[in-house]
Amino acid sequence: MFKVTLADRPEFLAGDETRLREIFHPAKHQLSLSYSLAHGTLPPGQRSKRHVLASSEVYYFISGLGRLTIDDRITLIEPGTTIYVPPGGQQFLENLGDTDIEFLCLVDPAWRMEDETILE
């Protein structure tokens, strides 16, 4: 068994300017995983930078209201929304609400800095 809490994980500013805490990552924890899992937040009125990953991503939104743009498609997000982003999908997240957007992001294969490109 491997257990962590968010308080155990240090917060950092990601390249897309969301605040992240890596929960599970096979390169940082001795776990037999092909994916990584992170917890993220984006404050009210903020927007992440447009970026692209070589990996696929699944977002699960815990709280907040906003919209996610993938390539030229825009979708509204709210608590309980789950979205798949294919490898190479150009994406950014906008917070349209009064509270932080809070989300989980699963990246498969696991996130690596060299697999992410910031486009702005």
PDB file of N, CA and C in Angstrom:
ATOM      1  N   MET A   1       0.851  -1.173   0.000  1.00  0.00           N
ATOM      2  CA  MET A   1       0.000   0.000   0.000  1.00  0.00           C
ATOM      3  C   MET A   1       0.894   1.232   0.000  1.00  0.00           C
ATOM      4  N   PHE A   2       0.435   2.259  -0.705  1.00  0.00           N
ATOM      5  CA  PHE A   2       1.124   3.551  -0.736  1.00  0.00           C
ATOM      6  C   PHE A   2       0.072   4.622  -0.525  1.00  0.00           C
ATOM      7  N   LYS A   3       0.210   5.375   0.548  1.00  0.00           N
ATOM      8  CA  LYS A   3      -0.797   6.382   0.886  1.00  0.00           C
ATOM      9  C   LYS A   3      -0.139   7.750   0.979  1.00  0.00           C
ATOM     10  N   VAL A   4      -0.811   8.753   0.397  1.00  0.00           N
ATOM     11  CA  VAL A   4      -0.380  10.145   0.531  1.00  0.00           C
ATOM     12  C   VAL A   4      -1.608  11.001   0.810  1.00  0.00           C
ATOM     13  N   THR A   5      -1.375  12.182   1.329  1.00  0.00           N
ATOM     14  CA  THR A   5      -2.427  13.194   1.419  1.00  0.00           C
ATOM     15  C   THR A   5      -1.921  14.415   0.654  1.00  0.00           C
ATOM     16  N   LEU A   6      -2.819  15.310   0.298  1.00  0.00           N
ATOM     17  CA  LEU A   6      -2.385  16.520  -0.403  1.00  0.00           C
ATOM     18  C   LEU A   6      -1.377  17.301   0.419  1.00  0.00           C
ATOM     19  N   ALA A   7      -1.543  17.303   1.714  1.00  0.00           N
ATOM     20  CA  ALA A   7      -0.605  18.017   2.588  1.00  0.00           C
ATOM     21  C   ALA A   7       0.809  17.419   2.501  1.00  0.00           C
ATOM     22  N   ASP A   8       0.906  16.136   2.136  1.00  0.00           N
ATOM     23  CA  ASP A   8       2.209  15.477   1.976  1.00  0.00           C
ATOM     24  C   ASP A   8       2.933  15.908   0.703  1.00  0.00           C
ATOM     25  N   ARG A   9       2.195  16.397  -0.264  1.00  0.00           N
ATOM     26  CA  ARG A   9       2.752  16.684  -1.583  1.00  0.00           C
ATOM     27  C   ARG A   9       3.034  18.174  -1.716  1.00  0.00           C
ATOM     28  N   PRO A  10       4.234  18.580  -2.092  1.00  0.00           N
ATOM     29  CA  PRO A  10       4.524  20.006  -2.255  1.00  0.00           C
ATOM     30  C   PRO A  10       3.806  20.592  -3.473  1.00  0.00           C
ATOM     31  N   GLU A  11       3.328  21.808  -3.322  1.00  0.00           N
ATOM     32  CA  GLU A  11       2.667  22.498  -4.430  1.00  0.00           C
ATOM     33  C   GLU A  11       3.714  23.232  -5.259  1.00  0.00           C
ATOM     34  N   PHE A  12       3.523  23.248  -6.580  1.00  0.00           N
ATOM     35  CA  PHE A  12       4.420  23.991  -7.462  1.00  0.00           C
ATOM     36  C   PHE A  12       3.620  24.596  -8.605  1.00  0.00           C
ATOM     37  N   LEU A  13       4.170  25.614  -9.226  1.00  0.00           N
ATOM     38  CA  LEU A  13       3.540  26.259 -10.372  1.00  0.00           C
ATOM     39  C   LEU A  13       3.999  25.533 -11.625  1.00  0.00           C
ATOM     40  N   ALA A  14       3.058  24.949 -12.345  1.00  0.00           N
ATOM     41  CA  ALA A  14       3.377  24.202 -13.568  1.00  0.00           C
ATOM     42  C   ALA A  14       3.667  25.168 -14.712  1.00  0.00           C
ATOM     43  N   GLY A  15       4.214  24.644 -15.785  1.00  0.00           N
ATOM     44  CA  GLY A  15       4.525  25.463 -16.954  1.00  0.00           C
ATOM     45  C   GLY A  15       3.320  26.166 -17.545  1.00  0.00           C
ATOM     46  N   ASP A  16       2.140  25.562 -17.396  1.00  0.00           N
ATOM     47  CA  ASP A  16       0.918  26.194 -17.915  1.00  0.00           C
ATOM     48  C   ASP A  16       0.300  27.181 -16.923  1.00  0.00           C
ATOM     49  N   GLU A  17       0.953  27.350 -15.766  1.00  0.00           N
ATOM     50  CA  GLU A  17       0.570  28.275 -14.699  1.00  0.00           C
ATOM     51  C   GLU A  17      -0.625  27.822 -13.857  1.00  0.00           C
ATOM     52  N   THR A  18      -0.885  26.511 -13.836  1.00  0.00           N
ATOM     53  CA  THR A  18      -1.786  25.966 -12.831  1.00  0.00           C
ATOM     54  C   THR A  18      -0.927  25.542 -11.643  1.00  0.00           C
ATOM     55  N   ARG A  19      -1.540  25.493 -10.454  1.00  0.00           N
ATOM     56  CA  ARG A  19      -0.826  25.017  -9.262  1.00  0.00           C
ATOM     57  C   ARG A  19      -1.078  23.515  -9.145  1.00  0.00           C
ATOM     58  N   LEU A  20      -0.001  22.748  -9.045  1.00  0.00           N
ATOM     59  CA  LEU A  20      -0.119  21.287  -9.023  1.00  0.00           C
ATOM     60  C   LEU A  20       0.546  20.688  -7.797  1.00  0.00           C
ATOM     61  N   ARG A  21       0.051  19.513  -7.430  1.00  0.00           N
ATOM     62  CA  ARG A  21       0.674  18.642  -6.439  1.00  0.00           C
ATOM     63  C   ARG A  21       0.660  17.247  -7.054  1.00  0.00           C
ATOM     64  N   GLU A  22       1.843  16.677  -7.287  1.00  0.00           N
ATOM     65  CA  GLU A  22       1.897  15.329  -7.833  1.00  0.00           C
ATOM     66  C   GLU A  22       1.545  14.331  -6.733  1.00  0.00           C
ATOM     67  N   ILE A  23       0.523  13.546  -6.994  1.00  0.00           N
ATOM     68  CA  ILE A  23       0.071  12.553  -6.027  1.00  0.00           C
ATOM     69  C   ILE A  23       0.845  11.250  -6.220  1.00  0.00           C
ATOM     70  N   PHE A  24       0.805  10.726  -7.448  1.00  0.00           N
ATOM     71  CA  PHE A  24       1.543   9.518  -7.802  1.00  0.00           C
ATOM     72  C   PHE A  24       2.340   9.790  -9.066  1.00  0.00           C
ATOM     73  N   HIS A  25       3.602   9.381  -9.065  1.00  0.00           N
ATOM     74  CA  HIS A  25       4.424   9.468 -10.273  1.00  0.00           C
ATOM     75  C   HIS A  25       5.448   8.340 -10.212  1.00  0.00           C
ATOM     76  N   PRO A  26       5.478   7.463 -11.230  1.00  0.00           N
ATOM     77  CA  PRO A  26       6.368   6.300 -11.173  1.00  0.00           C
ATOM     78  C   PRO A  26       7.853   6.655 -11.105  1.00  0.00           C
ATOM     79  N   ALA A  27       8.246   7.833 -11.584  1.00  0.00           N
ATOM     80  CA  ALA A  27       9.649   8.229 -11.518  1.00  0.00           C
ATOM     81  C   ALA A  27      10.036   8.783 -10.151  1.00  0.00           C
ATOM     82  N   LYS A  28       9.037   9.149  -9.332  1.00  0.00           N
ATOM     83  CA  LYS A  28       9.316   9.757  -8.029  1.00  0.00           C
ATOM     84  C   LYS A  28       8.932   8.868  -6.852  1.00  0.00           C
ATOM     85  N   HIS A  29       8.132   7.868  -7.124  1.00  0.00           N
ATOM     86  CA  HIS A  29       7.682   6.946  -6.083  1.00  0.00           C
ATOM     87  C   HIS A  29       7.929   5.535  -6.590  1.00  0.00           C
ATOM     88  N   GLN A  30       8.229   4.640  -5.723  1.00  0.00           N
ATOM     89  CA  GLN A  30       8.486   3.265  -6.140  1.00  0.00           C
ATOM     90  C   GLN A  30       7.162   2.536  -6.317  1.00  0.00           C
ATOM     91  N   LEU A  31       6.486   2.902  -7.411  1.00  0.00           N
ATOM     92  CA  LEU A  31       5.190   2.321  -7.741  1.00  0.00           C
ATOM     93  C   LEU A  31       5.254   1.747  -9.149  1.00  0.00           C
ATOM     94  N   SER A  32       4.564   0.663  -9.358  1.00  0.00           N
ATOM     95  CA  SER A  32       4.515   0.037 -10.668  1.00  0.00           C
ATOM     96  C   SER A  32       3.331   0.618 -11.446  1.00  0.00           C
ATOM     97  N   LEU A  33       3.541   1.842 -11.976  1.00  0.00           N
ATOM     98  CA  LEU A  33       2.489   2.552 -12.706  1.00  0.00           C
ATOM     99  C   LEU A  33       3.016   2.993 -14.057  1.00  0.00           C
ATOM    100  N   SER A  34       2.131   3.117 -15.034  1.00  0.00           N
ATOM    101  CA  SER A  34       2.505   3.715 -16.321  1.00  0.00           C
ATOM    102  C   SER A  34       2.036   5.164 -16.398  1.00  0.00           C
ATOM    103  N   TYR A  35       1.192   5.591 -15.456  1.00  0.00           N
ATOM    104  CA  TYR A  35       0.594   6.929 -15.472  1.00  0.00           C
ATOM    105  C   TYR A  35       1.061   7.746 -14.275  1.00  0.00           C
ATOM    106  N   SER A  36       0.759   9.039 -14.331  1.00  0.00           N
ATOM    107  CA  SER A  36       0.951   9.911 -13.175  1.00  0.00           C
ATOM    108  C   SER A  36      -0.393  10.543 -12.841  1.00  0.00           C
ATOM    109  N   LEU A  37      -0.544  10.925 -11.578  1.00  0.00           N
ATOM    110  CA  LEU A  37      -1.778  11.539 -11.098  1.00  0.00           C
ATOM    111  C   LEU A  37      -1.417  12.782 -10.311  1.00  0.00           C
ATOM    112  N   ALA A  38      -2.050  13.908 -10.663  1.00  0.00           N
ATOM    113  CA  ALA A  38      -1.787  15.171  -9.983  1.00  0.00           C
ATOM    114  C   ALA A  38      -3.101  15.828  -9.577  1.00  0.00           C
ATOM    115  N   HIS A  39      -3.021  16.650  -8.542  1.00  0.00           N
ATOM    116  CA  HIS A  39      -4.130  17.487  -8.093  1.00  0.00           C
ATOM    117  C   HIS A  39      -3.783  18.904  -8.495  1.00  0.00           C
ATOM    118  N   GLY A  40      -4.720  19.604  -9.115  1.00  0.00           N
ATOM    119  CA  GLY A  40      -4.451  20.964  -9.579  1.00  0.00           C
ATOM    120  C   GLY A  40      -5.507  21.955  -9.156  1.00  0.00           C
ATOM    121  N   THR A  41      -5.095  23.228  -9.146  1.00  0.00           N
ATOM    122  CA  THR A  41      -6.027  24.327  -8.897  1.00  0.00           C
ATOM    123  C   THR A  41      -5.710  25.475  -9.842  1.00  0.00           C
ATOM    124  N   LEU A  42      -6.756  26.242 -10.151  1.00  0.00           N
ATOM    125  CA  LEU A  42      -6.632  27.456 -10.947  1.00  0.00           C
ATOM    126  C   LEU A  42      -7.531  28.504 -10.298  1.00  0.00           C
ATOM    127  N   PRO A  43      -6.960  29.650  -9.855  1.00  0.00           N
ATOM    128  CA  PRO A  43      -7.736  30.665  -9.134  1.00  0.00           C
ATOM    129  C   PRO A  43      -8.782  31.357 -10.018  1.00  0.00           C
ATOM    130  N   PRO A  44      -9.775  31.984  -9.379  1.00  0.00           N
ATOM    131  CA  PRO A  44     -10.809  32.727 -10.119  1.00  0.00           C
ATOM    132  C   PRO A  44     -10.194  33.778 -11.042  1.00  0.00           C
ATOM    133  N   GLY A  45     -10.777  33.900 -12.238  1.00  0.00           N
ATOM    134  CA  GLY A  45     -10.336  34.896 -13.192  1.00  0.00           C
ATOM    135  C   GLY A  45      -9.054  34.565 -13.929  1.00  0.00           C
ATOM    136  N   GLN A  46      -8.444  33.418 -13.629  1.00  0.00           N
ATOM    137  CA  GLN A  46      -7.174  33.043 -14.255  1.00  0.00           C
ATOM    138  C   GLN A  46      -7.407  32.082 -15.418  1.00  0.00           C
ATOM    139  N   ARG A  47      -6.386  31.991 -16.251  1.00  0.00           N
ATOM    140  CA  ARG A  47      -6.402  31.098 -17.404  1.00  0.00           C
ATOM    141  C   ARG A  47      -5.041  30.429 -17.491  1.00  0.00           C
ATOM    142  N   SER A  48      -5.034  29.133 -17.747  1.00  0.00           N
ATOM    143  CA  SER A  48      -3.759  28.448 -17.945  1.00  0.00           C
ATOM    144  C   SER A  48      -3.226  28.802 -19.333  1.00  0.00           C
ATOM    145  N   LYS A  49      -1.935  28.612 -19.514  1.00  0.00           N
ATOM    146  CA  LYS A  49      -1.332  28.852 -20.828  1.00  0.00           C
ATOM    147  C   LYS A  49      -1.697  27.716 -21.775  1.00  0.00           C
ATOM    148  N   ARG A  50      -1.858  28.076 -23.049  1.00  0.00           N
ATOM    149  CA  ARG A  50      -2.115  27.052 -24.070  1.00  0.00           C
ATOM    150  C   ARG A  50      -0.880  26.144 -24.117  1.00  0.00           C
ATOM    151  N   HIS A  51      -1.136  24.839 -24.060  1.00  0.00           N
ATOM    152  CA  HIS A  51      -0.037  23.881 -24.058  1.00  0.00           C
ATOM    153  C   HIS A  51      -0.476  22.581 -24.715  1.00  0.00           C
ATOM    154  N   VAL A  52       0.496  21.724 -24.964  1.00  0.00           N
ATOM    155  CA  VAL A  52       0.233  20.434 -25.587  1.00  0.00           C
ATOM    156  C   VAL A  52       1.125  19.392 -24.927  1.00  0.00           C
ATOM    157  N   LEU A  53       0.589  18.203 -24.733  1.00  0.00           N
ATOM    158  CA  LEU A  53       1.349  17.082 -24.177  1.00  0.00           C
ATOM    159  C   LEU A  53       1.423  15.950 -25.193  1.00  0.00           C
ATOM    160  N   ALA A  54       2.518  15.214 -25.147  1.00  0.00           N
ATOM    161  CA  ALA A  54       2.656  14.028 -25.989  1.00  0.00           C
ATOM    162  C   ALA A  54       1.819  12.874 -25.441  1.00  0.00           C
ATOM    163  N   SER A  55       1.435  12.960 -24.163  1.00  0.00           N
ATOM    164  CA  SER A  55       0.650  11.922 -23.496  1.00  0.00           C
ATOM    165  C   SER A  55      -0.836  12.245 -23.545  1.00  0.00           C
ATOM    166  N   SER A  56      -1.659  11.246 -23.287  1.00  0.00           N
ATOM    167  CA  SER A  56      -3.091  11.496 -23.117  1.00  0.00           C
ATOM    168  C   SER A  56      -3.337  11.955 -21.682  1.00  0.00           C
ATOM    169  N   GLU A  57      -4.428  12.684 -21.484  1.00  0.00           N
ATOM    170  CA  GLU A  57      -4.790  13.176 -20.155  1.00  0.00           C
ATOM    171  C   GLU A  57      -6.266  12.943 -19.901  1.00  0.00           C
ATOM    172  N   VAL A  58      -6.589  12.702 -18.649  1.00  0.00           N
ATOM    173  CA  VAL A  58      -7.975  12.666 -18.210  1.00  0.00           C
ATOM    174  C   VAL A  58      -8.093  13.640 -17.047  1.00  0.00           C
ATOM    175  N   TYR A  59      -8.992  14.610 -17.184  1.00  0.00           N
ATOM    176  CA  TYR A  59      -9.272  15.583 -16.120  1.00  0.00           C
ATOM    177  C   TYR A  59     -10.576  15.214 -15.436  1.00  0.00           C
ATOM    178  N   TYR A  60     -10.572  15.262 -14.119  1.00  0.00           N
ATOM    179  CA  TYR A  60     -11.799  15.137 -13.333  1.00  0.00           C
ATOM    180  C   TYR A  60     -11.902  16.401 -12.496  1.00  0.00           C
ATOM    181  N   PHE A  61     -12.965  17.183 -12.700  1.00  0.00           N
ATOM    182  CA  PHE A  61     -13.129  18.468 -12.019  1.00  0.00           C
ATOM    183  C   PHE A  61     -13.912  18.277 -10.718  1.00  0.00           C
ATOM    184  N   ILE A  62     -13.290  18.698  -9.627  1.00  0.00           N
ATOM    185  CA  ILE A  62     -13.844  18.540  -8.286  1.00  0.00           C
ATOM    186  C   ILE A  62     -14.700  19.733  -7.895  1.00  0.00           C
ATOM    187  N   SER A  63     -14.213  20.949  -8.213  1.00  0.00           N
ATOM    188  CA  SER A  63     -14.968  22.161  -7.857  1.00  0.00           C
ATOM    189  C   SER A  63     -14.638  23.268  -8.837  1.00  0.00           C
ATOM    190  N   GLY A  64     -15.497  24.280  -8.838  1.00  0.00           N
ATOM    191  CA  GLY A  64     -15.290  25.442  -9.693  1.00  0.00           C
ATOM    192  C   GLY A  64     -16.063  25.363 -10.990  1.00  0.00           C
ATOM    193  N   LEU A  65     -16.096  26.508 -11.673  1.00  0.00           N
ATOM    194  CA  LEU A  65     -16.791  26.633 -12.956  1.00  0.00           C
ATOM    195  C   LEU A  65     -15.847  27.273 -13.960  1.00  0.00           C
ATOM    196  N   GLY A  66     -15.871  26.760 -15.180  1.00  0.00           N
ATOM    197  CA  GLY A  66     -15.009  27.335 -16.191  1.00  0.00           C
ATOM    198  C   GLY A  66     -15.226  26.691 -17.534  1.00  0.00           C
ATOM    199  N   ARG A  67     -14.218  26.847 -18.372  1.00  0.00           N
ATOM    200  CA  ARG A  67     -14.277  26.192 -19.680  1.00  0.00           C
ATOM    201  C   ARG A  67     -12.885  25.710 -20.050  1.00  0.00           C
ATOM    202  N   LEU A  68     -12.895  24.595 -20.750  1.00  0.00           N
ATOM    203  CA  LEU A  68     -11.665  23.972 -21.231  1.00  0.00           C
ATOM    204  C   LEU A  68     -11.718  23.997 -22.750  1.00  0.00           C
ATOM    205  N   THR A  69     -10.658  24.516 -23.352  1.00  0.00           N
ATOM    206  CA  THR A  69     -10.547  24.528 -24.808  1.00  0.00           C
ATOM    207  C   THR A  69      -9.519  23.495 -25.214  1.00  0.00           C
ATOM    208  N   ILE A  70      -9.912  22.597 -26.107  1.00  0.00           N
ATOM    209  CA  ILE A  70      -9.021  21.583 -26.662  1.00  0.00           C
ATOM    210  C   ILE A  70      -9.077  21.766 -28.176  1.00  0.00           C
ATOM    211  N   ASP A  71      -7.921  22.114 -28.748  1.00  0.00           N
ATOM    212  CA  ASP A  71      -7.845  22.501 -30.148  1.00  0.00           C
ATOM    213  C   ASP A  71      -8.828  23.670 -30.332  1.00  0.00           C
ATOM    214  N   ASP A  72      -9.840  23.550 -31.148  1.00  0.00           N
ATOM    215  CA  ASP A  72     -10.796  24.649 -31.318  1.00  0.00           C
ATOM    216  C   ASP A  72     -12.147  24.342 -30.688  1.00  0.00           C
ATOM    217  N   ARG A  73     -12.212  23.302 -29.863  1.00  0.00           N
ATOM    218  CA  ARG A  73     -13.477  22.918 -29.227  1.00  0.00           C
ATOM    219  C   ARG A  73     -13.495  23.408 -27.791  1.00  0.00           C
ATOM    220  N   ILE A  74     -14.577  24.065 -27.417  1.00  0.00           N
ATOM    221  CA  ILE A  74     -14.735  24.620 -26.066  1.00  0.00           C
ATOM    222  C   ILE A  74     -15.832  23.846 -25.358  1.00  0.00           C
ATOM    223  N   THR A  75     -15.560  23.455 -24.107  1.00  0.00           N
ATOM    224  CA  THR A  75     -16.575  22.783 -23.304  1.00  0.00           C
ATOM    225  C   THR A  75     -16.612  23.412 -21.919  1.00  0.00           C
ATOM    226  N   LEU A  76     -17.811  23.589 -21.389  1.00  0.00           N
ATOM    227  CA  LEU A  76     -17.972  24.106 -20.033  1.00  0.00           C
ATOM    228  C   LEU A  76     -17.664  23.003 -19.041  1.00  0.00           C
ATOM    229  N   ILE A  77     -17.054  23.382 -17.926  1.00  0.00           N
ATOM    230  CA  ILE A  77     -16.759  22.408 -16.883  1.00  0.00           C
ATOM    231  C   ILE A  77     -17.390  22.864 -15.574  1.00  0.00           C
ATOM    232  N   GLU A  78     -17.768  21.873 -14.786  1.00  0.00           N
ATOM    233  CA  GLU A  78     -18.351  22.073 -13.459  1.00  0.00           C
ATOM    234  C   GLU A  78     -17.985  20.849 -12.634  1.00  0.00           C
ATOM    235  N   PRO A  79     -18.241  20.874 -11.330  1.00  0.00           N
ATOM    236  CA  PRO A  79     -17.916  19.696 -10.516  1.00  0.00           C
ATOM    237  C   PRO A  79     -18.537  18.421 -11.088  1.00  0.00           C
ATOM    238  N   GLY A  80     -17.736  17.382 -11.146  1.00  0.00           N
ATOM    239  CA  GLY A  80     -18.201  16.105 -11.673  1.00  0.00           C
ATOM    240  C   GLY A  80     -17.912  15.895 -13.144  1.00  0.00           C
ATOM    241  N   THR A  81     -17.451  16.926 -13.853  1.00  0.00           N
ATOM    242  CA  THR A  81     -17.114  16.799 -15.275  1.00  0.00           C
ATOM    243  C   THR A  81     -15.806  16.015 -15.423  1.00  0.00           C
ATOM    244  N   THR A  82     -15.790  15.078 -16.367  1.00  0.00           N
ATOM    245  CA  THR A  82     -14.587  14.323 -16.700  1.00  0.00           C
ATOM    246  C   THR A  82     -14.327  14.501 -18.195  1.00  0.00           C
ATOM    247  N   ILE A  83     -13.080  14.836 -18.544  1.00  0.00           N
ATOM    248  CA  ILE A  83     -12.744  15.111 -19.946  1.00  0.00           C
ATOM    249  C   ILE A  83     -11.462  14.387 -20.320  1.00  0.00           C
ATOM    250  N   TYR A  84     -11.487  13.776 -21.502  1.00  0.00           N
ATOM    251  CA  TYR A  84     -10.304  13.133 -22.079  1.00  0.00           C
ATOM    252  C   TYR A  84      -9.658  14.093 -23.067  1.00  0.00           C
ATOM    253  N   VAL A  85      -8.344  14.268 -22.964  1.00  0.00           N
ATOM    254  CA  VAL A  85      -7.567  15.077 -23.912  1.00  0.00           C
ATOM    255  C   VAL A  85      -6.607  14.131 -24.628  1.00  0.00           C
ATOM    256  N   PRO A  86      -6.741  14.001 -25.951  1.00  0.00           N
ATOM    257  CA  PRO A  86      -5.858  13.083 -26.671  1.00  0.00           C
ATOM    258  C   PRO A  86      -4.434  13.619 -26.732  1.00  0.00           C
ATOM    259  N   PRO A  87      -3.463  12.723 -26.947  1.00  0.00           N
ATOM    260  CA  PRO A  87      -2.089  13.184 -27.127  1.00  0.00           C
ATOM    261  C   PRO A  87      -2.034  14.228 -28.243  1.00  0.00           C
ATOM    262  N   GLY A  88      -1.294  15.311 -28.020  1.00  0.00           N
ATOM    263  CA  GLY A  88      -1.156  16.354 -29.029  1.00  0.00           C
ATOM    264  C   GLY A  88      -2.268  17.377 -29.046  1.00  0.00           C
ATOM    265  N   GLY A  89      -3.273  17.229 -28.159  1.00  0.00           N
ATOM    266  CA  GLY A  89      -4.372  18.196 -28.116  1.00  0.00           C
ATOM    267  C   GLY A  89      -3.902  19.522 -27.513  1.00  0.00           C
ATOM    268  N   GLN A  90      -4.071  20.617 -28.256  1.00  0.00           N
ATOM    269  CA  GLN A  90      -3.725  21.941 -27.727  1.00  0.00           C
ATOM    270  C   GLN A  90      -4.829  22.356 -26.769  1.00  0.00           C
ATOM    271  N   GLN A  91      -4.448  22.750 -25.546  1.00  0.00           N
ATOM    272  CA  GLN A  91      -5.454  22.963 -24.517  1.00  0.00           C
ATOM    273  C   GLN A  91      -5.122  24.118 -23.594  1.00  0.00           C
ATOM    274  N   PHE A  92      -6.187  24.691 -23.024  1.00  0.00           N
ATOM    275  CA  PHE A  92      -6.044  25.636 -21.917  1.00  0.00           C
ATOM    276  C   PHE A  92      -7.355  25.671 -21.145  1.00  0.00           C
ATOM    277  N   LEU A  93      -7.249  26.048 -19.872  1.00  0.00           N
ATOM    278  CA  LEU A  93      -8.370  26.066 -18.938  1.00  0.00           C
ATOM    279  C   LEU A  93      -8.595  27.492 -18.465  1.00  0.00           C
ATOM    280  N   GLU A  94      -9.860  27.914 -18.401  1.00  0.00           N
ATOM    281  CA  GLU A  94     -10.224  29.240 -17.908  1.00  0.00           C
ATOM    282  C   GLU A  94     -11.162  29.103 -16.727  1.00  0.00           C
ATOM    283  N   ASN A  95     -10.893  29.859 -15.648  1.00  0.00           N
ATOM    284  CA  ASN A  95     -11.768  29.864 -14.481  1.00  0.00           C
ATOM    285  C   ASN A  95     -12.744  31.020 -14.625  1.00  0.00           C
ATOM    286  N   LEU A  96     -14.033  30.704 -14.761  1.00  0.00           N
ATOM    287  CA  LEU A  96     -15.084  31.706 -14.940  1.00  0.00           C
ATOM    288  C   LEU A  96     -15.867  31.958 -13.657  1.00  0.00           C
ATOM    289  N   GLY A  97     -15.507  31.272 -12.580  1.00  0.00           N
ATOM    290  CA  GLY A  97     -16.276  31.353 -11.343  1.00  0.00           C
ATOM    291  C   GLY A  97     -15.629  32.220 -10.283  1.00  0.00           C
ATOM    292  N   ASP A  98     -16.195  32.140  -9.076  1.00  0.00           N
ATOM    293  CA  ASP A  98     -15.739  32.922  -7.927  1.00  0.00           C
ATOM    294  C   ASP A  98     -14.837  32.133  -6.983  1.00  0.00           C
ATOM    295  N   THR A  99     -14.625  30.862  -7.259  1.00  0.00           N
ATOM    296  CA  THR A  99     -13.784  30.013  -6.417  1.00  0.00           C
ATOM    297  C   THR A  99     -12.755  29.302  -7.289  1.00  0.00           C
ATOM    298  N   ASP A 100     -11.749  28.715  -6.645  1.00  0.00           N
ATOM    299  CA  ASP A 100     -10.747  27.953  -7.397  1.00  0.00           C
ATOM    300  C   ASP A 100     -11.402  26.822  -8.173  1.00  0.00           C
ATOM    301  N   ILE A 101     -10.891  26.567  -9.364  1.00  0.00           N
ATOM    302  CA  ILE A 101     -11.177  25.302 -10.037  1.00  0.00           C
ATOM    303  C   ILE A 101     -10.202  24.301  -9.426  1.00  0.00           C
ATOM    304  N   GLU A 102     -10.730  23.180  -9.019  1.00  0.00           N
ATOM    305  CA  GLU A 102      -9.918  22.114  -8.424  1.00  0.00           C
ATOM    306  C   GLU A 102     -10.139  20.856  -9.261  1.00  0.00           C
ATOM    307  N   PHE A 103      -9.050  20.172  -9.608  1.00  0.00           N
ATOM    308  CA  PHE A 103      -9.173  19.020 -10.501  1.00  0.00           C
ATOM    309  C   PHE A 103      -8.112  17.979 -10.211  1.00  0.00           C
ATOM    310  N   LEU A 104      -8.387  16.768 -10.674  1.00  0.00           N
ATOM    311  CA  LEU A 104      -7.398  15.697 -10.732  1.00  0.00           C
ATOM    312  C   LEU A 104      -7.044  15.500 -12.194  1.00  0.00           C
ATOM    313  N   CYS A 105      -5.772  15.225 -12.460  1.00  0.00           N
ATOM    314  CA  CYS A 105      -5.327  15.010 -13.834  1.00  0.00           C
ATOM    315  C   CYS A 105      -4.486  13.738 -13.887  1.00  0.00           C
ATOM    316  N   LEU A 106      -4.940  12.793 -14.672  1.00  0.00           N
ATOM    317  CA  LEU A 106      -4.222  11.544 -14.891  1.00  0.00           C
ATOM    318  C   LEU A 106      -3.544  11.649 -16.256  1.00  0.00           C
ATOM    319  N   VAL A 107      -2.238  11.435 -16.316  1.00  0.00           N
ATOM    320  CA  VAL A 107      -1.469  11.529 -17.561  1.00  0.00           C
ATOM    321  C   VAL A 107      -0.873  10.150 -17.851  1.00  0.00           C
ATOM    322  N   ASP A 108      -1.117   9.657 -19.083  1.00  0.00           N
ATOM    323  CA  ASP A 108      -0.653   8.320 -19.454  1.00  0.00           C
ATOM    324  C   ASP A 108      -0.100   8.326 -20.876  1.00  0.00           C
ATOM    325  N   PRO A 109       1.185   7.952 -21.079  1.00  0.00           N
ATOM    326  CA  PRO A 109       2.136   7.594 -20.049  1.00  0.00           C
ATOM    327  C   PRO A 109       2.445   8.777 -19.135  1.00  0.00           C
ATOM    328  N   ALA A 110       3.083   8.485 -18.015  1.00  0.00           N
ATOM    329  CA  ALA A 110       3.330   9.474 -16.968  1.00  0.00           C
ATOM    330  C   ALA A 110       3.951  10.759 -17.516  1.00  0.00           C
ATOM    331  N   TRP A 111       3.533  11.888 -16.911  1.00  0.00           N
ATOM    332  CA  TRP A 111       4.019  13.203 -17.319  1.00  0.00           C
ATOM    333  C   TRP A 111       5.540  13.284 -17.225  1.00  0.00           C
ATOM    334  N   ARG A 112       6.135  13.877 -18.270  1.00  0.00           N
ATOM    335  CA  ARG A 112       7.558  14.203 -18.286  1.00  0.00           C
ATOM    336  C   ARG A 112       7.702  15.603 -18.870  1.00  0.00           C
ATOM    337  N   MET A 113       8.588  16.399 -18.313  1.00  0.00           N
ATOM    338  CA  MET A 113       8.758  17.774 -18.750  1.00  0.00           C
ATOM    339  C   MET A 113       9.011  17.855 -20.260  1.00  0.00           C
ATOM    340  N   GLU A 114       9.813  16.946 -20.781  1.00  0.00           N
ATOM    341  CA  GLU A 114      10.149  16.991 -22.194  1.00  0.00           C
ATOM    342  C   GLU A 114       8.982  16.623 -23.106  1.00  0.00           C
ATOM    343  N   ASP A 115       7.890  16.115 -22.545  1.00  0.00           N
ATOM    344  CA  ASP A 115       6.702  15.776 -23.329  1.00  0.00           C
ATOM    345  C   ASP A 115       5.671  16.893 -23.357  1.00  0.00           C
ATOM    346  N   GLU A 116       5.967  18.017 -22.692  1.00  0.00           N
ATOM    347  CA  GLU A 116       5.030  19.145 -22.636  1.00  0.00           C
ATOM    348  C   GLU A 116       5.629  20.347 -23.345  1.00  0.00           C
ATOM    349  N   THR A 117       4.808  21.005 -24.171  1.00  0.00           N
ATOM    350  CA  THR A 117       5.219  22.215 -24.874  1.00  0.00           C
ATOM    351  C   THR A 117       4.237  23.332 -24.531  1.00  0.00           C
ATOM    352  N   ILE A 118       4.756  24.446 -24.007  1.00  0.00           N
ATOM    353  CA  ILE A 118       3.940  25.641 -23.755  1.00  0.00           C
ATOM    354  C   ILE A 118       3.917  26.435 -25.050  1.00  0.00           C
ATOM    355  N   LEU A 119       2.732  26.790 -25.514  1.00  0.00           N
ATOM    356  CA  LEU A 119       2.583  27.405 -26.835  1.00  0.00           C
ATOM    357  C   LEU A 119       2.456  28.922 -26.807  1.00  0.00           C
ATOM    358  N   GLU A 120       2.530  29.532 -25.629  1.00  0.00           N
ATOM    359  CA  GLU A 120       2.450  30.995 -25.545  1.00  0.00           C
ATOM    360  C   GLU A 120       3.377  31.541 -24.507  1.00  0.00           C
TER     361      GLU A 120
END
